[in-house]
Amino acid sequence: MAGVVHIPWYATGFRGDQLQSELIRVSEQATRYNATAYAVYRLRDDRYKFLQLLEFDEHSDFERFWQGPEMIEFRTYCQGWFQVPVAYGWSDLVTEGTRPHRDGAHAHAVET
């Protein structure tokens, strides 16, 4: 198992909302490269800081995504919207869990 890649992004002045929209769009496209999960977090105390998480079973699938046309287009189109360099890192999940809702169901809600 390859794991989860953490990609920190830091938006330049007044570009946070635009970068957020593009990160959502490009993250969804990672599933075309066999990503098993994705998430984008925006920090509450620093609205210019984002964390993109992409889960892959194979490291080579991430490399195909990172070097693929969607990410090349993203980096070209959004050039100047984020600080460089972008240094990503891999991690292995060791545990996770959720608290069940009162009706016993698990739900994921994302607010923007």
PDB file of N, CA and C in Angstrom:
ATOM      1  N   MET A   1       0.840  -1.185   0.000  1.00  0.00           N
ATOM      2  CA  MET A   1       0.000   0.000   0.000  1.00  0.00           C
ATOM      3  C   MET A   1       0.879   1.240   0.000  1.00  0.00           C
ATOM      4  N   ALA A   2       0.609   2.137  -0.898  1.00  0.00           N
ATOM      5  CA  ALA A   2       1.408   3.349  -1.005  1.00  0.00           C
ATOM      6  C   ALA A   2       1.111   4.306   0.139  1.00  0.00           C
ATOM      7  N   GLY A   3      -0.144   4.559   0.456  1.00  0.00           N
ATOM      8  CA  GLY A   3      -0.478   5.451   1.556  1.00  0.00           C
ATOM      9  C   GLY A   3      -1.173   6.712   1.095  1.00  0.00           C
ATOM     10  N   VAL A   4      -0.998   7.749   1.903  1.00  0.00           N
ATOM     11  CA  VAL A   4      -1.656   9.031   1.651  1.00  0.00           C
ATOM     12  C   VAL A   4      -0.582  10.085   1.441  1.00  0.00           C
ATOM     13  N   VAL A   5      -0.737  10.853   0.373  1.00  0.00           N
ATOM     14  CA  VAL A   5       0.181  11.948   0.127  1.00  0.00           C
ATOM     15  C   VAL A   5      -0.463  13.228   0.644  1.00  0.00           C
ATOM     16  N   HIS A   6       0.304  14.005   1.402  1.00  0.00           N
ATOM     17  CA  HIS A   6      -0.139  15.280   1.961  1.00  0.00           C
ATOM     18  C   HIS A   6       0.533  16.379   1.149  1.00  0.00           C
ATOM     19  N   ILE A   7      -0.277  17.235   0.547  1.00  0.00           N
ATOM     20  CA  ILE A   7       0.271  18.313  -0.271  1.00  0.00           C
ATOM     21  C   ILE A   7      -0.183  19.642   0.325  1.00  0.00           C
ATOM     22  N   PRO A   8       0.734  20.373   0.945  1.00  0.00           N
ATOM     23  CA  PRO A   8       0.367  21.681   1.493  1.00  0.00           C
ATOM     24  C   PRO A   8       0.410  22.747   0.400  1.00  0.00           C
ATOM     25  N   TRP A   9      -0.629  23.545   0.350  1.00  0.00           N
ATOM     26  CA  TRP A   9      -0.706  24.664  -0.591  1.00  0.00           C
ATOM     27  C   TRP A   9      -0.900  25.932   0.221  1.00  0.00           C
ATOM     28  N   TYR A  10      -0.256  27.008  -0.218  1.00  0.00           N
ATOM     29  CA  TYR A  10      -0.440  28.292   0.434  1.00  0.00           C
ATOM     30  C   TYR A  10      -0.764  29.320  -0.639  1.00  0.00           C
ATOM     31  N   ALA A  11      -1.997  29.834  -0.587  1.00  0.00           N
ATOM     32  CA  ALA A  11      -2.474  30.772  -1.601  1.00  0.00           C
ATOM     33  C   ALA A  11      -1.796  32.125  -1.453  1.00  0.00           C
ATOM     34  N   THR A  12      -1.617  32.781  -2.573  1.00  0.00           N
ATOM     35  CA  THR A  12      -1.107  34.146  -2.556  1.00  0.00           C
ATOM     36  C   THR A  12      -2.272  35.093  -2.279  1.00  0.00           C
ATOM     37  N   GLY A  13      -1.964  36.346  -2.022  1.00  0.00           N
ATOM     38  CA  GLY A  13      -2.961  37.335  -1.606  1.00  0.00           C
ATOM     39  C   GLY A  13      -4.231  37.351  -2.436  1.00  0.00           C
ATOM     40  N   PHE A  14      -5.346  37.221  -1.769  1.00  0.00           N
ATOM     41  CA  PHE A  14      -6.686  37.302  -2.344  1.00  0.00           C
ATOM     42  C   PHE A  14      -6.983  36.201  -3.364  1.00  0.00           C
ATOM     43  N   ARG A  15      -6.224  35.113  -3.356  1.00  0.00           N
ATOM     44  CA  ARG A  15      -6.451  34.010  -4.289  1.00  0.00           C
ATOM     45  C   ARG A  15      -6.973  32.753  -3.597  1.00  0.00           C
ATOM     46  N   GLY A  16      -7.264  32.830  -2.314  1.00  0.00           N
ATOM     47  CA  GLY A  16      -7.685  31.646  -1.562  1.00  0.00           C
ATOM     48  C   GLY A  16      -8.928  30.986  -2.106  1.00  0.00           C
ATOM     49  N   ASP A  17      -9.964  31.746  -2.406  1.00  0.00           N
ATOM     50  CA  ASP A  17     -11.208  31.166  -2.900  1.00  0.00           C
ATOM     51  C   ASP A  17     -11.018  30.541  -4.277  1.00  0.00           C
ATOM     52  N   GLN A  18     -10.241  31.198  -5.129  1.00  0.00           N
ATOM     53  CA  GLN A  18      -9.989  30.651  -6.462  1.00  0.00           C
ATOM     54  C   GLN A  18      -9.176  29.363  -6.369  1.00  0.00           C
ATOM     55  N   LEU A  19      -8.148  29.358  -5.525  1.00  0.00           N
ATOM     56  CA  LEU A  19      -7.338  28.159  -5.362  1.00  0.00           C
ATOM     57  C   LEU A  19      -8.190  27.030  -4.795  1.00  0.00           C
ATOM     58  N   GLN A  20      -9.056  27.332  -3.852  1.00  0.00           N
ATOM     59  CA  GLN A  20      -9.939  26.312  -3.285  1.00  0.00           C
ATOM     60  C   GLN A  20     -10.770  25.654  -4.377  1.00  0.00           C
ATOM     61  N   SER A  21     -11.381  26.424  -5.241  1.00  0.00           N
ATOM     62  CA  SER A  21     -12.209  25.867  -6.319  1.00  0.00           C
ATOM     63  C   SER A  21     -11.406  24.949  -7.218  1.00  0.00           C
ATOM     64  N   GLU A  22     -10.203  25.355  -7.557  1.00  0.00           N
ATOM     65  CA  GLU A  22      -9.377  24.541  -8.450  1.00  0.00           C
ATOM     66  C   GLU A  22      -8.846  23.289  -7.754  1.00  0.00           C
ATOM     67  N   LEU A  23      -8.538  23.380  -6.459  1.00  0.00           N
ATOM     68  CA  LEU A  23      -8.110  22.189  -5.722  1.00  0.00           C
ATOM     69  C   LEU A  23      -9.227  21.158  -5.637  1.00  0.00           C
ATOM     70  N   ILE A  24     -10.454  21.625  -5.461  1.00  0.00           N
ATOM     71  CA  ILE A  24     -11.597  20.703  -5.443  1.00  0.00           C
ATOM     72  C   ILE A  24     -11.700  19.995  -6.786  1.00  0.00           C
ATOM     73  N   ARG A  25     -11.638  20.778  -7.858  1.00  0.00           N
ATOM     74  CA  ARG A  25     -11.781  20.215  -9.204  1.00  0.00           C
ATOM     75  C   ARG A  25     -10.686  19.191  -9.512  1.00  0.00           C
ATOM     76  N   VAL A  26      -9.442  19.541  -9.264  1.00  0.00           N
ATOM     77  CA  VAL A  26      -8.349  18.652  -9.619  1.00  0.00           C
ATOM     78  C   VAL A  26      -8.286  17.437  -8.692  1.00  0.00           C
ATOM     79  N   SER A  27      -8.686  17.580  -7.438  1.00  0.00           N
ATOM     80  CA  SER A  27      -8.685  16.444  -6.515  1.00  0.00           C
ATOM     81  C   SER A  27      -9.678  15.376  -6.959  1.00  0.00           C
ATOM     82  N   GLU A  28     -10.833  15.804  -7.427  1.00  0.00           N
ATOM     83  CA  GLU A  28     -11.832  14.849  -7.930  1.00  0.00           C
ATOM     84  C   GLU A  28     -11.275  14.044  -9.097  1.00  0.00           C
ATOM     85  N   GLN A  29     -10.426  14.651  -9.895  1.00  0.00           N
ATOM     86  CA  GLN A  29      -9.865  13.969 -11.057  1.00  0.00           C
ATOM     87  C   GLN A  29      -8.823  12.917 -10.679  1.00  0.00           C
ATOM     88  N   ALA A  30      -8.338  12.941  -9.449  1.00  0.00           N
ATOM     89  CA  ALA A  30      -7.351  11.951  -9.010  1.00  0.00           C
ATOM     90  C   ALA A  30      -7.911  10.540  -9.056  1.00  0.00           C
ATOM     91  N   THR A  31      -9.228  10.402  -8.946  1.00  0.00           N
ATOM     92  CA  THR A  31      -9.819   9.057  -8.994  1.00  0.00           C
ATOM     93  C   THR A  31      -9.617   8.409 -10.363  1.00  0.00           C
ATOM     94  N   ARG A  32      -9.408   9.212 -11.401  1.00  0.00           N
ATOM     95  CA  ARG A  32      -9.104   8.663 -12.739  1.00  0.00           C
ATOM     96  C   ARG A  32      -7.758   7.946 -12.747  1.00  0.00           C
ATOM     97  N   TYR A  33      -6.927   8.254 -11.752  1.00  0.00           N
ATOM     98  CA  TYR A  33      -5.603   7.657 -11.635  1.00  0.00           C
ATOM     99  C   TYR A  33      -5.553   6.667 -10.473  1.00  0.00           C
ATOM    100  N   ASN A  34      -6.696   6.124 -10.133  1.00  0.00           N
ATOM    101  CA  ASN A  34      -6.833   5.089  -9.093  1.00  0.00           C
ATOM    102  C   ASN A  34      -6.682   5.599  -7.675  1.00  0.00           C
ATOM    103  N   ALA A  35      -6.872   6.892  -7.439  1.00  0.00           N
ATOM    104  CA  ALA A  35      -6.913   7.369  -6.054  1.00  0.00           C
ATOM    105  C   ALA A  35      -8.126   6.733  -5.382  1.00  0.00           C
ATOM    106  N   THR A  36      -7.942   6.232  -4.192  1.00  0.00           N
ATOM    107  CA  THR A  36      -9.044   5.597  -3.470  1.00  0.00           C
ATOM    108  C   THR A  36      -9.796   6.585  -2.598  1.00  0.00           C
ATOM    109  N   ALA A  37      -9.183   7.736  -2.326  1.00  0.00           N
ATOM    110  CA  ALA A  37      -9.841   8.773  -1.537  1.00  0.00           C
ATOM    111  C   ALA A  37      -9.103  10.082  -1.742  1.00  0.00           C
ATOM    112  N   TYR A  38      -9.819  11.175  -1.513  1.00  0.00           N
ATOM    113  CA  TYR A  38      -9.206  12.499  -1.571  1.00  0.00           C
ATOM    114  C   TYR A  38      -9.939  13.414  -0.612  1.00  0.00           C
ATOM    115  N   ALA A  39      -9.239  14.443  -0.171  1.00  0.00           N
ATOM    116  CA  ALA A  39      -9.830  15.464   0.697  1.00  0.00           C
ATOM    117  C   ALA A  39      -9.003  16.733   0.551  1.00  0.00           C
ATOM    118  N   VAL A  40      -9.662  17.858   0.713  1.00  0.00           N
ATOM    119  CA  VAL A  40      -8.980  19.144   0.743  1.00  0.00           C
ATOM    120  C   VAL A  40      -9.452  19.868   1.996  1.00  0.00           C
ATOM    121  N   TYR A  41      -8.504  20.283   2.820  1.00  0.00           N
ATOM    122  CA  TYR A  41      -8.808  21.027   4.037  1.00  0.00           C
ATOM    123  C   TYR A  41      -8.340  22.461   3.863  1.00  0.00           C
ATOM    124  N   ARG A  42      -9.120  23.391   4.406  1.00  0.00           N
ATOM    125  CA  ARG A  42      -8.732  24.807   4.450  1.00  0.00           C
ATOM    126  C   ARG A  42      -8.692  25.211   5.910  1.00  0.00           C
ATOM    127  N   LEU A  43      -7.560  25.721   6.346  1.00  0.00           N
ATOM    128  CA  LEU A  43      -7.402  26.062   7.756  1.00  0.00           C
ATOM    129  C   LEU A  43      -8.290  27.236   8.142  1.00  0.00           C
ATOM    130  N   ARG A  44      -8.846  27.166   9.322  1.00  0.00           N
ATOM    131  CA  ARG A  44      -9.718  28.230   9.802  1.00  0.00           C
ATOM    132  C   ARG A  44      -8.936  29.449  10.274  1.00  0.00           C
ATOM    133  N   ASP A  45      -7.767  29.223  10.857  1.00  0.00           N
ATOM    134  CA  ASP A  45      -7.008  30.353  11.400  1.00  0.00           C
ATOM    135  C   ASP A  45      -6.096  31.007  10.361  1.00  0.00           C
ATOM    136  N   ASP A  46      -5.956  30.403   9.196  1.00  0.00           N
ATOM    137  CA  ASP A  46      -5.181  30.980   8.101  1.00  0.00           C
ATOM    138  C   ASP A  46      -5.856  30.546   6.804  1.00  0.00           C
ATOM    139  N   ARG A  47      -6.756  31.367   6.315  1.00  0.00           N
ATOM    140  CA  ARG A  47      -7.609  31.016   5.181  1.00  0.00           C
ATOM    141  C   ARG A  47      -6.842  30.876   3.866  1.00  0.00           C
ATOM    142  N   TYR A  48      -5.548  31.155   3.887  1.00  0.00           N
ATOM    143  CA  TYR A  48      -4.727  30.982   2.686  1.00  0.00           C
ATOM    144  C   TYR A  48      -4.042  29.612   2.657  1.00  0.00           C
ATOM    145  N   LYS A  49      -4.145  28.859   3.745  1.00  0.00           N
ATOM    146  CA  LYS A  49      -3.447  27.590   3.863  1.00  0.00           C
ATOM    147  C   LYS A  49      -4.398  26.420   3.617  1.00  0.00           C
ATOM    148  N   PHE A  50      -3.976  25.517   2.718  1.00  0.00           N
ATOM    149  CA  PHE A  50      -4.762  24.341   2.348  1.00  0.00           C
ATOM    150  C   PHE A  50      -3.914  23.093   2.529  1.00  0.00           C
ATOM    151  N   LEU A  51      -4.585  21.972   2.765  1.00  0.00           N
ATOM    152  CA  LEU A  51      -3.932  20.674   2.802  1.00  0.00           C
ATOM    153  C   LEU A  51      -4.741  19.735   1.922  1.00  0.00           C
ATOM    154  N   GLN A  52      -4.106  19.255   0.872  1.00  0.00           N
ATOM    155  CA  GLN A  52      -4.734  18.303  -0.042  1.00  0.00           C
ATOM    156  C   GLN A  52      -4.233  16.914   0.330  1.00  0.00           C
ATOM    157  N   LEU A  53      -5.157  15.975   0.519  1.00  0.00           N
ATOM    158  CA  LEU A  53      -4.822  14.590   0.851  1.00  0.00           C
ATOM    159  C   LEU A  53      -5.315  13.693  -0.273  1.00  0.00           C
ATOM    160  N   LEU A  54      -4.435  12.842  -0.763  1.00  0.00           N
ATOM    161  CA  LEU A  54      -4.776  11.903  -1.826  1.00  0.00           C
ATOM    162  C   LEU A  54      -4.288  10.528  -1.417  1.00  0.00           C
ATOM    163  N   GLU A  55      -5.170   9.542  -1.448  1.00  0.00           N
ATOM    164  CA  GLU A  55      -4.810   8.182  -1.061  1.00  0.00           C
ATOM    165  C   GLU A  55      -4.683   7.317  -2.308  1.00  0.00           C
ATOM    166  N   PHE A  56      -3.556   6.625  -2.400  1.00  0.00           N
ATOM    167  CA  PHE A  56      -3.289   5.732  -3.519  1.00  0.00           C
ATOM    168  C   PHE A  56      -2.773   4.404  -2.996  1.00  0.00           C
ATOM    169  N   ASP A  57      -3.145   3.327  -3.673  1.00  0.00           N
ATOM    170  CA  ASP A  57      -2.588   2.017  -3.346  1.00  0.00           C
ATOM    171  C   ASP A  57      -1.197   1.844  -3.929  1.00  0.00           C
ATOM    172  N   GLU A  58      -0.951   2.491  -5.052  1.00  0.00           N
ATOM    173  CA  GLU A  58       0.339   2.379  -5.725  1.00  0.00           C
ATOM    174  C   GLU A  58       0.966   3.770  -5.886  1.00  0.00           C
ATOM    175  N   HIS A  59       2.207   3.887  -5.492  1.00  0.00           N
ATOM    176  CA  HIS A  59       2.919   5.158  -5.628  1.00  0.00           C
ATOM    177  C   HIS A  59       2.973   5.596  -7.089  1.00  0.00           C
ATOM    178  N   SER A  60       3.096   4.653  -7.994  1.00  0.00           N
ATOM    179  CA  SER A  60       3.176   4.981  -9.420  1.00  0.00           C
ATOM    180  C   SER A  60       1.895   5.646  -9.923  1.00  0.00           C
ATOM    181  N   ASP A  61       0.747   5.308  -9.336  1.00  0.00           N
ATOM    182  CA  ASP A  61      -0.504   5.962  -9.729  1.00  0.00           C
ATOM    183  C   ASP A  61      -0.473   7.446  -9.352  1.00  0.00           C
ATOM    184  N   PHE A  62       0.071   7.754  -8.175  1.00  0.00           N
ATOM    185  CA  PHE A  62       0.213   9.158  -7.810  1.00  0.00           C
ATOM    186  C   PHE A  62       1.149   9.884  -8.775  1.00  0.00           C
ATOM    187  N   GLU A  63       2.257   9.267  -9.124  1.00  0.00           N
ATOM    188  CA  GLU A  63       3.206   9.891 -10.043  1.00  0.00           C
ATOM    189  C   GLU A  63       2.544  10.170 -11.390  1.00  0.00           C
ATOM    190  N   ARG A  64       1.722   9.231 -11.868  1.00  0.00           N
ATOM    191  CA  ARG A  64       1.000   9.449 -13.129  1.00  0.00           C
ATOM    192  C   ARG A  64       0.047  10.627 -12.995  1.00  0.00           C
ATOM    193  N   PHE A  65      -0.628  10.749 -11.851  1.00  0.00           N
ATOM    194  CA  PHE A  65      -1.528  11.872 -11.611  1.00  0.00           C
ATOM    195  C   PHE A  65      -0.743  13.182 -11.536  1.00  0.00           C
ATOM    196  N   TRP A  66       0.332  13.213 -10.736  1.00  0.00           N
ATOM    197  CA  TRP A  66       1.101  14.434 -10.511  1.00  0.00           C
ATOM    198  C   TRP A  66       1.727  14.950 -11.805  1.00  0.00           C
ATOM    199  N   GLN A  67       2.133  14.029 -12.682  1.00  0.00           N
ATOM    200  CA  GLN A  67       2.743  14.404 -13.954  1.00  0.00           C
ATOM    201  C   GLN A  67       1.743  14.395 -15.115  1.00  0.00           C
ATOM    202  N   GLY A  68       0.485  14.095 -14.826  1.00  0.00           N
ATOM    203  CA  GLY A  68      -0.540  13.993 -15.865  1.00  0.00           C
ATOM    204  C   GLY A  68      -1.041  15.343 -16.349  1.00  0.00           C
ATOM    205  N   PRO A  69      -1.823  15.326 -17.406  1.00  0.00           N
ATOM    206  CA  PRO A  69      -2.289  16.570 -18.018  1.00  0.00           C
ATOM    207  C   PRO A  69      -3.157  17.433 -17.097  1.00  0.00           C
ATOM    208  N   GLU A  70      -3.933  16.814 -16.213  1.00  0.00           N
ATOM    209  CA  GLU A  70      -4.784  17.593 -15.317  1.00  0.00           C
ATOM    210  C   GLU A  70      -3.960  18.427 -14.337  1.00  0.00           C
ATOM    211  N   MET A  71      -2.938  17.814 -13.748  1.00  0.00           N
ATOM    212  CA  MET A  71      -2.108  18.550 -12.792  1.00  0.00           C
ATOM    213  C   MET A  71      -1.190  19.544 -13.490  1.00  0.00           C
ATOM    214  N   ILE A  72      -0.735  19.208 -14.680  1.00  0.00           N
ATOM    215  CA  ILE A  72       0.070  20.181 -15.435  1.00  0.00           C
ATOM    216  C   ILE A  72      -0.785  21.394 -15.761  1.00  0.00           C
ATOM    217  N   GLU A  73      -2.028  21.160 -16.198  1.00  0.00           N
ATOM    218  CA  GLU A  73      -2.945  22.267 -16.480  1.00  0.00           C
ATOM    219  C   GLU A  73      -3.237  23.074 -15.213  1.00  0.00           C
ATOM    220  N   PHE A  74      -3.467  22.374 -14.091  1.00  0.00           N
ATOM    221  CA  PHE A  74      -3.726  23.043 -12.817  1.00  0.00           C
ATOM    222  C   PHE A  74      -2.566  23.961 -12.442  1.00  0.00           C
ATOM    223  N   ARG A  75      -1.345  23.422 -12.474  1.00  0.00           N
ATOM    224  CA  ARG A  75      -0.185  24.216 -12.080  1.00  0.00           C
ATOM    225  C   ARG A  75       0.055  25.381 -13.040  1.00  0.00           C
ATOM    226  N   THR A  76      -0.264  25.190 -14.305  1.00  0.00           N
ATOM    227  CA  THR A  76      -0.104  26.271 -15.282  1.00  0.00           C
ATOM    228  C   THR A  76      -1.170  27.336 -15.095  1.00  0.00           C
ATOM    229  N   TYR A  77      -2.434  26.917 -15.015  1.00  0.00           N
ATOM    230  CA  TYR A  77      -3.554  27.850 -14.881  1.00  0.00           C
ATOM    231  C   TYR A  77      -3.483  28.623 -13.568  1.00  0.00           C
ATOM    232  N   CYS A  78      -3.090  27.936 -12.501  1.00  0.00           N
ATOM    233  CA  CYS A  78      -3.075  28.543 -11.165  1.00  0.00           C
ATOM    234  C   CYS A  78      -1.714  29.144 -10.813  1.00  0.00           C
ATOM    235  N   GLN A  79      -0.805  29.192 -11.767  1.00  0.00           N
ATOM    236  CA  GLN A  79       0.509  29.763 -11.520  1.00  0.00           C
ATOM    237  C   GLN A  79       0.342  31.173 -10.961  1.00  0.00           C
ATOM    238  N   GLY A  80       1.001  31.441  -9.876  1.00  0.00           N
ATOM    239  CA  GLY A  80       0.881  32.737  -9.220  1.00  0.00           C
ATOM    240  C   GLY A  80      -0.197  32.772  -8.155  1.00  0.00           C
ATOM    241  N   TRP A  81      -1.003  31.706  -8.058  1.00  0.00           N
ATOM    242  CA  TRP A  81      -2.055  31.638  -7.036  1.00  0.00           C
ATOM    243  C   TRP A  81      -1.573  30.962  -5.762  1.00  0.00           C
ATOM    244  N   PHE A  82      -0.423  30.294  -5.810  1.00  0.00           N
ATOM    245  CA  PHE A  82       0.101  29.594  -4.641  1.00  0.00           C
ATOM    246  C   PHE A  82       1.607  29.797  -4.577  1.00  0.00           C
ATOM    247  N   GLN A  83       2.118  29.661  -3.351  1.00  0.00           N
ATOM    248  CA  GLN A  83       3.548  29.824  -3.141  1.00  0.00           C
ATOM    249  C   GLN A  83       4.285  28.561  -3.549  1.00  0.00           C
ATOM    250  N   VAL A  84       5.473  28.746  -4.080  1.00  0.00           N
ATOM    251  CA  VAL A  84       6.317  27.623  -4.449  1.00  0.00           C
ATOM    252  C   VAL A  84       7.589  27.679  -3.617  1.00  0.00           C
ATOM    253  N   PRO A  85       8.243  26.585  -3.371  1.00  0.00           N
ATOM    254  CA  PRO A  85       7.959  25.270  -3.914  1.00  0.00           C
ATOM    255  C   PRO A  85       6.817  24.574  -3.176  1.00  0.00           C
ATOM    256  N   VAL A  86       6.243  23.601  -3.834  1.00  0.00           N
ATOM    257  CA  VAL A  86       5.222  22.745  -3.229  1.00  0.00           C
ATOM    258  C   VAL A  86       5.919  21.428  -2.894  1.00  0.00           C
ATOM    259  N   ALA A  87       6.037  21.127  -1.614  1.00  0.00           N
ATOM    260  CA  ALA A  87       6.739  19.924  -1.164  1.00  0.00           C
ATOM    261  C   ALA A  87       5.746  18.979  -0.510  1.00  0.00           C
ATOM    262  N   TYR A  88       5.467  17.877  -1.172  1.00  0.00           N
ATOM    263  CA  TYR A  88       4.507  16.918  -0.628  1.00  0.00           C
ATOM    264  C   TYR A  88       5.225  15.833   0.159  1.00  0.00           C
ATOM    265  N   GLY A  89       4.467  15.120   0.997  1.00  0.00           N
ATOM    266  CA  GLY A  89       5.019  14.037   1.797  1.00  0.00           C
ATOM    267  C   GLY A  89       4.020  12.903   1.926  1.00  0.00           C
ATOM    268  N   TRP A  90       4.553  11.703   2.088  1.00  0.00           N
ATOM    269  CA  TRP A  90       3.728  10.503   2.207  1.00  0.00           C
ATOM    270  C   TRP A  90       3.586  10.084   3.659  1.00  0.00           C
ATOM    271  N   SER A  91       2.434   9.502   3.985  1.00  0.00           N
ATOM    272  CA  SER A  91       2.217   8.952   5.320  1.00  0.00           C
ATOM    273  C   SER A  91       1.446   7.651   5.193  1.00  0.00           C
ATOM    274  N   ASP A  92       1.552   6.835   6.216  1.00  0.00           N
ATOM    275  CA  ASP A  92       0.809   5.585   6.294  1.00  0.00           C
ATOM    276  C   ASP A  92      -0.244   5.718   7.381  1.00  0.00           C
ATOM    277  N   LEU A  93      -1.452   5.330   7.079  1.00  0.00           N
ATOM    278  CA  LEU A  93      -2.536   5.357   8.046  1.00  0.00           C
ATOM    279  C   LEU A  93      -2.336   4.230   9.051  1.00  0.00           C
ATOM    280  N   VAL A  94      -2.340   4.575  10.321  1.00  0.00           N
ATOM    281  CA  VAL A  94      -2.195   3.554  11.348  1.00  0.00           C
ATOM    282  C   VAL A  94      -3.492   3.295  12.093  1.00  0.00           C
ATOM    283  N   THR A  95      -4.401   4.264  12.105  1.00  0.00           N
ATOM    284  CA  THR A  95      -5.728   4.045  12.669  1.00  0.00           C
ATOM    285  C   THR A  95      -6.634   5.184  12.229  1.00  0.00           C
ATOM    286  N   GLU A  96      -7.929   4.918  12.228  1.00  0.00           N
ATOM    287  CA  GLU A  96      -8.921   5.947  11.971  1.00  0.00           C
ATOM    288  C   GLU A  96     -10.239   5.502  12.573  1.00  0.00           C
ATOM    289  N   GLY A  97     -11.140   6.427  12.718  1.00  0.00           N
ATOM    290  CA  GLY A  97     -12.448   6.095  13.252  1.00  0.00           C
ATOM    291  C   GLY A  97     -13.364   7.297  13.186  1.00  0.00           C
ATOM    292  N   THR A  98     -14.624   7.037  13.371  1.00  0.00           N
ATOM    293  CA  THR A  98     -15.616   8.097  13.436  1.00  0.00           C
ATOM    294  C   THR A  98     -16.596   7.768  14.550  1.00  0.00           C
ATOM    295  N   ARG A  99     -17.224   8.796  15.068  1.00  0.00           N
ATOM    296  CA  ARG A  99     -18.261   8.613  16.066  1.00  0.00           C
ATOM    297  C   ARG A  99     -19.572   8.457  15.329  1.00  0.00           C
ATOM    298  N   PRO A 100     -20.339   7.409  15.600  1.00  0.00           N
ATOM    299  CA  PRO A 100     -21.620   7.246  14.909  1.00  0.00           C
ATOM    300  C   PRO A 100     -22.611   8.333  15.323  1.00  0.00           C
ATOM    301  N   HIS A 101     -23.460   8.694  14.392  1.00  0.00           N
ATOM    302  CA  HIS A 101     -24.523   9.646  14.702  1.00  0.00           C
ATOM    303  C   HIS A 101     -25.567   8.968  15.568  1.00  0.00           C
ATOM    304  N   ARG A 102     -26.461   9.746  16.105  1.00  0.00           N
ATOM    305  CA  ARG A 102     -27.462   9.200  17.024  1.00  0.00           C
ATOM    306  C   ARG A 102     -28.293   8.090  16.394  1.00  0.00           C
ATOM    307  N   ASP A 103     -28.529   8.187  15.073  1.00  0.00           N
ATOM    308  CA  ASP A 103     -29.320   7.143  14.406  1.00  0.00           C
ATOM    309  C   ASP A 103     -28.449   5.945  14.015  1.00  0.00           C
ATOM    310  N   GLY A 104     -27.157   5.996  14.364  1.00  0.00           N
ATOM    311  CA  GLY A 104     -26.255   4.891  14.086  1.00  0.00           C
ATOM    312  C   GLY A 104     -25.545   4.998  12.750  1.00  0.00           C
ATOM    313  N   ALA A 105     -25.917   5.982  11.942  1.00  0.00           N
ATOM    314  CA  ALA A 105     -25.300   6.126  10.616  1.00  0.00           C
ATOM    315  C   ALA A 105     -24.040   6.981  10.704  1.00  0.00           C
ATOM    316  N   HIS A 106     -23.130   6.720   9.813  1.00  0.00           N
ATOM    317  CA  HIS A 106     -21.918   7.544   9.679  1.00  0.00           C
ATOM    318  C   HIS A 106     -22.137   8.468   8.484  1.00  0.00           C
ATOM    319  N   ALA A 107     -21.782   9.711   8.627  1.00  0.00           N
ATOM    320  CA  ALA A 107     -21.968  10.669   7.543  1.00  0.00           C
ATOM    321  C   ALA A 107     -20.763  11.583   7.454  1.00  0.00           C
ATOM    322  N   HIS A 108     -20.477  12.024   6.251  1.00  0.00           N
ATOM    323  CA  HIS A 108     -19.408  12.979   6.020  1.00  0.00           C
ATOM    324  C   HIS A 108     -20.033  14.235   5.436  1.00  0.00           C
ATOM    325  N   ALA A 109     -19.889  15.326   6.115  1.00  0.00           N
ATOM    326  CA  ALA A 109     -20.387  16.607   5.623  1.00  0.00           C
ATOM    327  C   ALA A 109     -19.205  17.546   5.463  1.00  0.00           C
ATOM    328  N   VAL A 110     -19.196  18.269   4.374  1.00  0.00           N
ATOM    329  CA  VAL A 110     -18.128  19.231   4.122  1.00  0.00           C
ATOM    330  C   VAL A 110     -18.753  20.593   3.955  1.00  0.00           C
ATOM    331  N   GLU A 111     -18.313  21.521   4.799  1.00  0.00           N
ATOM    332  CA  GLU A 111     -18.791  22.902   4.678  1.00  0.00           C
ATOM    333  C   GLU A 111     -17.695  23.745   4.109  1.00  0.00           C
ATOM    334  N   THR A 112     -18.065  24.695   3.290  1.00  0.00           N
ATOM    335  CA  THR A 112     -17.054  25.603   2.726  1.00  0.00           C
ATOM    336  C   THR A 112     -17.233  26.986   3.281  1.00  0.00           C
TER     337      THR A 112
END
